[in-house]
Amino acid sequence: LGIPAEPLFRSAAKLRLLRRKAGLLQKTVSAETGLNMGHLEGARKNVTLTTLERLCEYYNITLDEFFKDIDI
């Protein structure tokens, strides 16, 4: 049994949208969070809930808000 890739792609797209809405570059977010945003936004690396929570704090949203419009 594997985890379907679709939730990963939807989460990656949401991270990309949040960054763009904030007017930030990937390298800025990466430098400020210590996370490789290219891998996370490109769905090349699975995002953990801990990492997602960190990014939600960075973007000043809750996990509930993050998942609100993502059909998983």
N, C-alpha and C. Protein backbone atom coordinates (compact mmCIF):
# COMPACT_ATOMS: atom_id res chain seq x y z
N LEU A 1 0.84 -1.20 0.00
CA LEU A 1 0.00 0.00 0.00
C LEU A 1 0.87 1.24 0.00
N GLY A 2 0.61 2.13 -0.90
CA GLY A 2 1.33 3.39 -0.94
C GLY A 2 0.39 4.55 -0.77
N ILE A 3 0.93 5.66 -0.38
CA ILE A 3 0.14 6.88 -0.26
C ILE A 3 0.00 7.49 -1.64
N PRO A 4 -1.23 7.81 -2.06
CA PRO A 4 -1.40 8.41 -3.39
C PRO A 4 -0.63 9.72 -3.52
N ALA A 5 -0.08 9.95 -4.68
CA ALA A 5 0.73 11.15 -4.90
C ALA A 5 -0.11 12.42 -4.96
N GLU A 6 -1.38 12.29 -5.29
CA GLU A 6 -2.20 13.49 -5.48
C GLU A 6 -2.21 14.42 -4.26
N PRO A 7 -2.39 13.92 -3.04
CA PRO A 7 -2.35 14.83 -1.89
C PRO A 7 -1.03 15.58 -1.78
N LEU A 8 0.07 14.91 -2.14
CA LEU A 8 1.37 15.56 -2.12
C LEU A 8 1.42 16.71 -3.12
N PHE A 9 0.90 16.47 -4.33
CA PHE A 9 0.90 17.53 -5.35
C PHE A 9 -0.01 18.68 -4.96
N ARG A 10 -1.15 18.37 -4.35
CA ARG A 10 -2.06 19.45 -3.92
C ARG A 10 -1.44 20.26 -2.79
N SER A 11 -0.76 19.60 -1.87
CA SER A 11 -0.10 20.31 -0.78
C SER A 11 1.03 21.18 -1.32
N ALA A 12 1.79 20.64 -2.26
CA ALA A 12 2.88 21.41 -2.87
C ALA A 12 2.34 22.65 -3.58
N ALA A 13 1.24 22.48 -4.30
CA ALA A 13 0.64 23.62 -5.00
C ALA A 13 0.16 24.68 -4.01
N LYS A 14 -0.38 24.24 -2.87
CA LYS A 14 -0.85 25.20 -1.86
C LYS A 14 0.33 25.96 -1.27
N LEU A 15 1.44 25.28 -1.02
CA LEU A 15 2.64 25.96 -0.51
C LEU A 15 3.14 27.00 -1.51
N ARG A 16 3.13 26.63 -2.78
CA ARG A 16 3.55 27.56 -3.84
C ARG A 16 2.63 28.78 -3.88
N LEU A 17 1.32 28.55 -3.77
CA LEU A 17 0.35 29.64 -3.78
C LEU A 17 0.55 30.58 -2.59
N LEU A 18 0.75 30.01 -1.41
CA LEU A 18 0.97 30.84 -0.22
C LEU A 18 2.21 31.71 -0.38
N ARG A 19 3.28 31.12 -0.90
CA ARG A 19 4.52 31.88 -1.08
C ARG A 19 4.33 33.01 -2.09
N ARG A 20 3.68 32.70 -3.20
CA ARG A 20 3.46 33.72 -4.23
C ARG A 20 2.55 34.84 -3.73
N LYS A 21 1.50 34.47 -2.97
CA LYS A 21 0.60 35.49 -2.42
C LYS A 21 1.34 36.40 -1.46
N ALA A 22 2.37 35.86 -0.79
CA ALA A 22 3.18 36.65 0.14
C ALA A 22 4.24 37.47 -0.59
N GLY A 23 4.37 37.23 -1.90
CA GLY A 23 5.34 37.97 -2.71
C GLY A 23 6.78 37.59 -2.40
N LEU A 24 7.00 36.31 -2.08
CA LEU A 24 8.33 35.85 -1.69
C LEU A 24 8.91 34.89 -2.72
N LEU A 25 10.22 34.84 -2.77
CA LEU A 25 10.93 33.89 -3.60
C LEU A 25 11.18 32.61 -2.80
N GLN A 26 11.33 31.49 -3.51
CA GLN A 26 11.64 30.23 -2.83
C GLN A 26 12.90 30.36 -1.98
N LYS A 27 13.93 31.02 -2.53
CA LYS A 27 15.19 31.10 -1.79
C LYS A 27 15.04 31.95 -0.53
N THR A 28 14.13 32.90 -0.53
CA THR A 28 13.88 33.70 0.68
C THR A 28 13.25 32.84 1.76
N VAL A 29 12.20 32.11 1.38
CA VAL A 29 11.52 31.23 2.34
C VAL A 29 12.48 30.16 2.84
N SER A 30 13.27 29.60 1.94
CA SER A 30 14.25 28.58 2.32
C SER A 30 15.25 29.13 3.33
N ALA A 31 15.76 30.34 3.07
CA ALA A 31 16.74 30.95 3.96
C ALA A 31 16.13 31.25 5.33
N GLU A 32 14.87 31.67 5.34
CA GLU A 32 14.24 32.05 6.60
C GLU A 32 13.69 30.87 7.40
N THR A 33 13.43 29.74 6.73
CA THR A 33 12.87 28.58 7.43
C THR A 33 13.86 27.42 7.55
N GLY A 34 14.91 27.44 6.73
CA GLY A 34 15.85 26.33 6.71
C GLY A 34 15.32 25.12 5.95
N LEU A 35 14.24 25.31 5.19
CA LEU A 35 13.62 24.22 4.44
C LEU A 35 13.90 24.39 2.95
N ASN A 36 14.05 23.28 2.24
CA ASN A 36 14.26 23.33 0.80
C ASN A 36 12.90 23.45 0.11
N MET A 37 12.51 24.68 -0.17
CA MET A 37 11.19 24.92 -0.74
C MET A 37 11.08 24.40 -2.16
N GLY A 38 12.18 24.33 -2.89
CA GLY A 38 12.15 23.77 -4.23
C GLY A 38 11.68 22.32 -4.20
N HIS A 39 12.18 21.56 -3.23
CA HIS A 39 11.76 20.16 -3.10
C HIS A 39 10.32 20.05 -2.62
N LEU A 40 9.94 20.89 -1.66
CA LEU A 40 8.58 20.82 -1.12
C LEU A 40 7.54 21.28 -2.13
N GLU A 41 7.81 22.41 -2.79
CA GLU A 41 6.84 22.94 -3.76
C GLU A 41 6.82 22.11 -5.04
N GLY A 42 7.90 21.43 -5.34
CA GLY A 42 7.96 20.60 -6.53
C GLY A 42 7.48 19.18 -6.28
N ALA A 43 7.02 18.92 -5.05
CA ALA A 43 6.52 17.60 -4.65
C ALA A 43 7.58 16.52 -4.84
N ARG A 44 8.85 16.92 -4.70
CA ARG A 44 9.95 15.96 -4.79
C ARG A 44 10.29 15.37 -3.42
N LYS A 45 9.74 15.99 -2.39
CA LYS A 45 9.96 15.51 -1.03
C LYS A 45 8.63 15.56 -0.30
N ASN A 46 8.30 14.49 0.39
CA ASN A 46 7.05 14.44 1.14
C ASN A 46 7.15 15.38 2.33
N VAL A 47 6.13 16.16 2.54
CA VAL A 47 6.13 17.12 3.64
C VAL A 47 5.51 16.45 4.87
N THR A 48 6.17 16.60 6.01
CA THR A 48 5.64 16.04 7.25
C THR A 48 4.69 17.07 7.88
N LEU A 49 3.87 16.59 8.79
CA LEU A 49 2.98 17.52 9.49
C LEU A 49 3.77 18.53 10.31
N THR A 50 4.89 18.12 10.87
CA THR A 50 5.73 19.04 11.63
C THR A 50 6.25 20.15 10.73
N THR A 51 6.72 19.79 9.55
CA THR A 51 7.21 20.78 8.60
C THR A 51 6.07 21.66 8.12
N LEU A 52 4.94 21.07 7.85
CA LEU A 52 3.78 21.83 7.40
C LEU A 52 3.33 22.82 8.47
N GLU A 53 3.36 22.39 9.71
CA GLU A 53 2.99 23.29 10.81
C GLU A 53 3.96 24.47 10.89
N ARG A 54 5.24 24.19 10.71
CA ARG A 54 6.25 25.26 10.69
C ARG A 54 5.97 26.27 9.59
N LEU A 55 5.63 25.76 8.41
CA LEU A 55 5.35 26.65 7.29
C LEU A 55 4.05 27.43 7.51
N CYS A 56 3.07 26.80 8.11
CA CYS A 56 1.83 27.50 8.41
C CYS A 56 2.10 28.65 9.38
N GLU A 57 2.92 28.41 10.38
CA GLU A 57 3.30 29.49 11.30
C GLU A 57 4.01 30.59 10.54
N TYR A 58 4.90 30.23 9.63
CA TYR A 58 5.64 31.20 8.83
C TYR A 58 4.69 32.07 8.02
N TYR A 59 3.67 31.45 7.43
CA TYR A 59 2.70 32.19 6.61
C TYR A 59 1.53 32.73 7.44
N ASN A 60 1.60 32.52 8.75
CA ASN A 60 0.59 33.04 9.68
C ASN A 60 -0.81 32.50 9.40
N ILE A 61 -0.88 31.19 9.17
CA ILE A 61 -2.17 30.52 9.01
C ILE A 61 -2.17 29.26 9.89
N THR A 62 -3.33 28.68 10.10
CA THR A 62 -3.43 27.44 10.86
C THR A 62 -3.40 26.25 9.90
N LEU A 63 -3.18 25.08 10.46
CA LEU A 63 -3.27 23.86 9.64
C LEU A 63 -4.68 23.70 9.07
N ASP A 64 -5.69 24.05 9.87
CA ASP A 64 -7.08 23.99 9.37
C ASP A 64 -7.24 24.88 8.14
N GLU A 65 -6.68 26.08 8.18
CA GLU A 65 -6.78 26.98 7.04
C GLU A 65 -6.03 26.41 5.84
N PHE A 66 -4.88 25.79 6.10
CA PHE A 66 -4.10 25.21 5.01
C PHE A 66 -4.91 24.16 4.27
N PHE A 67 -5.56 23.28 5.03
CA PHE A 67 -6.28 22.17 4.41
C PHE A 67 -7.72 22.51 4.02
N LYS A 68 -8.18 23.71 4.34
CA LYS A 68 -9.56 24.10 4.08
C LYS A 68 -10.01 23.85 2.64
N ASP A 69 -9.21 24.22 1.69
CA ASP A 69 -9.62 24.09 0.29
C ASP A 69 -8.83 23.03 -0.48
N ILE A 70 -8.21 22.11 0.26
CA ILE A 70 -7.49 21.00 -0.36
C ILE A 70 -8.31 19.74 -0.16
N ASP A 71 -8.67 19.11 -1.25
CA ASP A 71 -9.44 17.87 -1.19
C ASP A 71 -8.48 16.70 -1.07
N ILE A 72 -8.36 16.18 0.14
CA ILE A 72 -7.43 15.06 0.36
C ILE A 72 -8.23 13.82 0.71
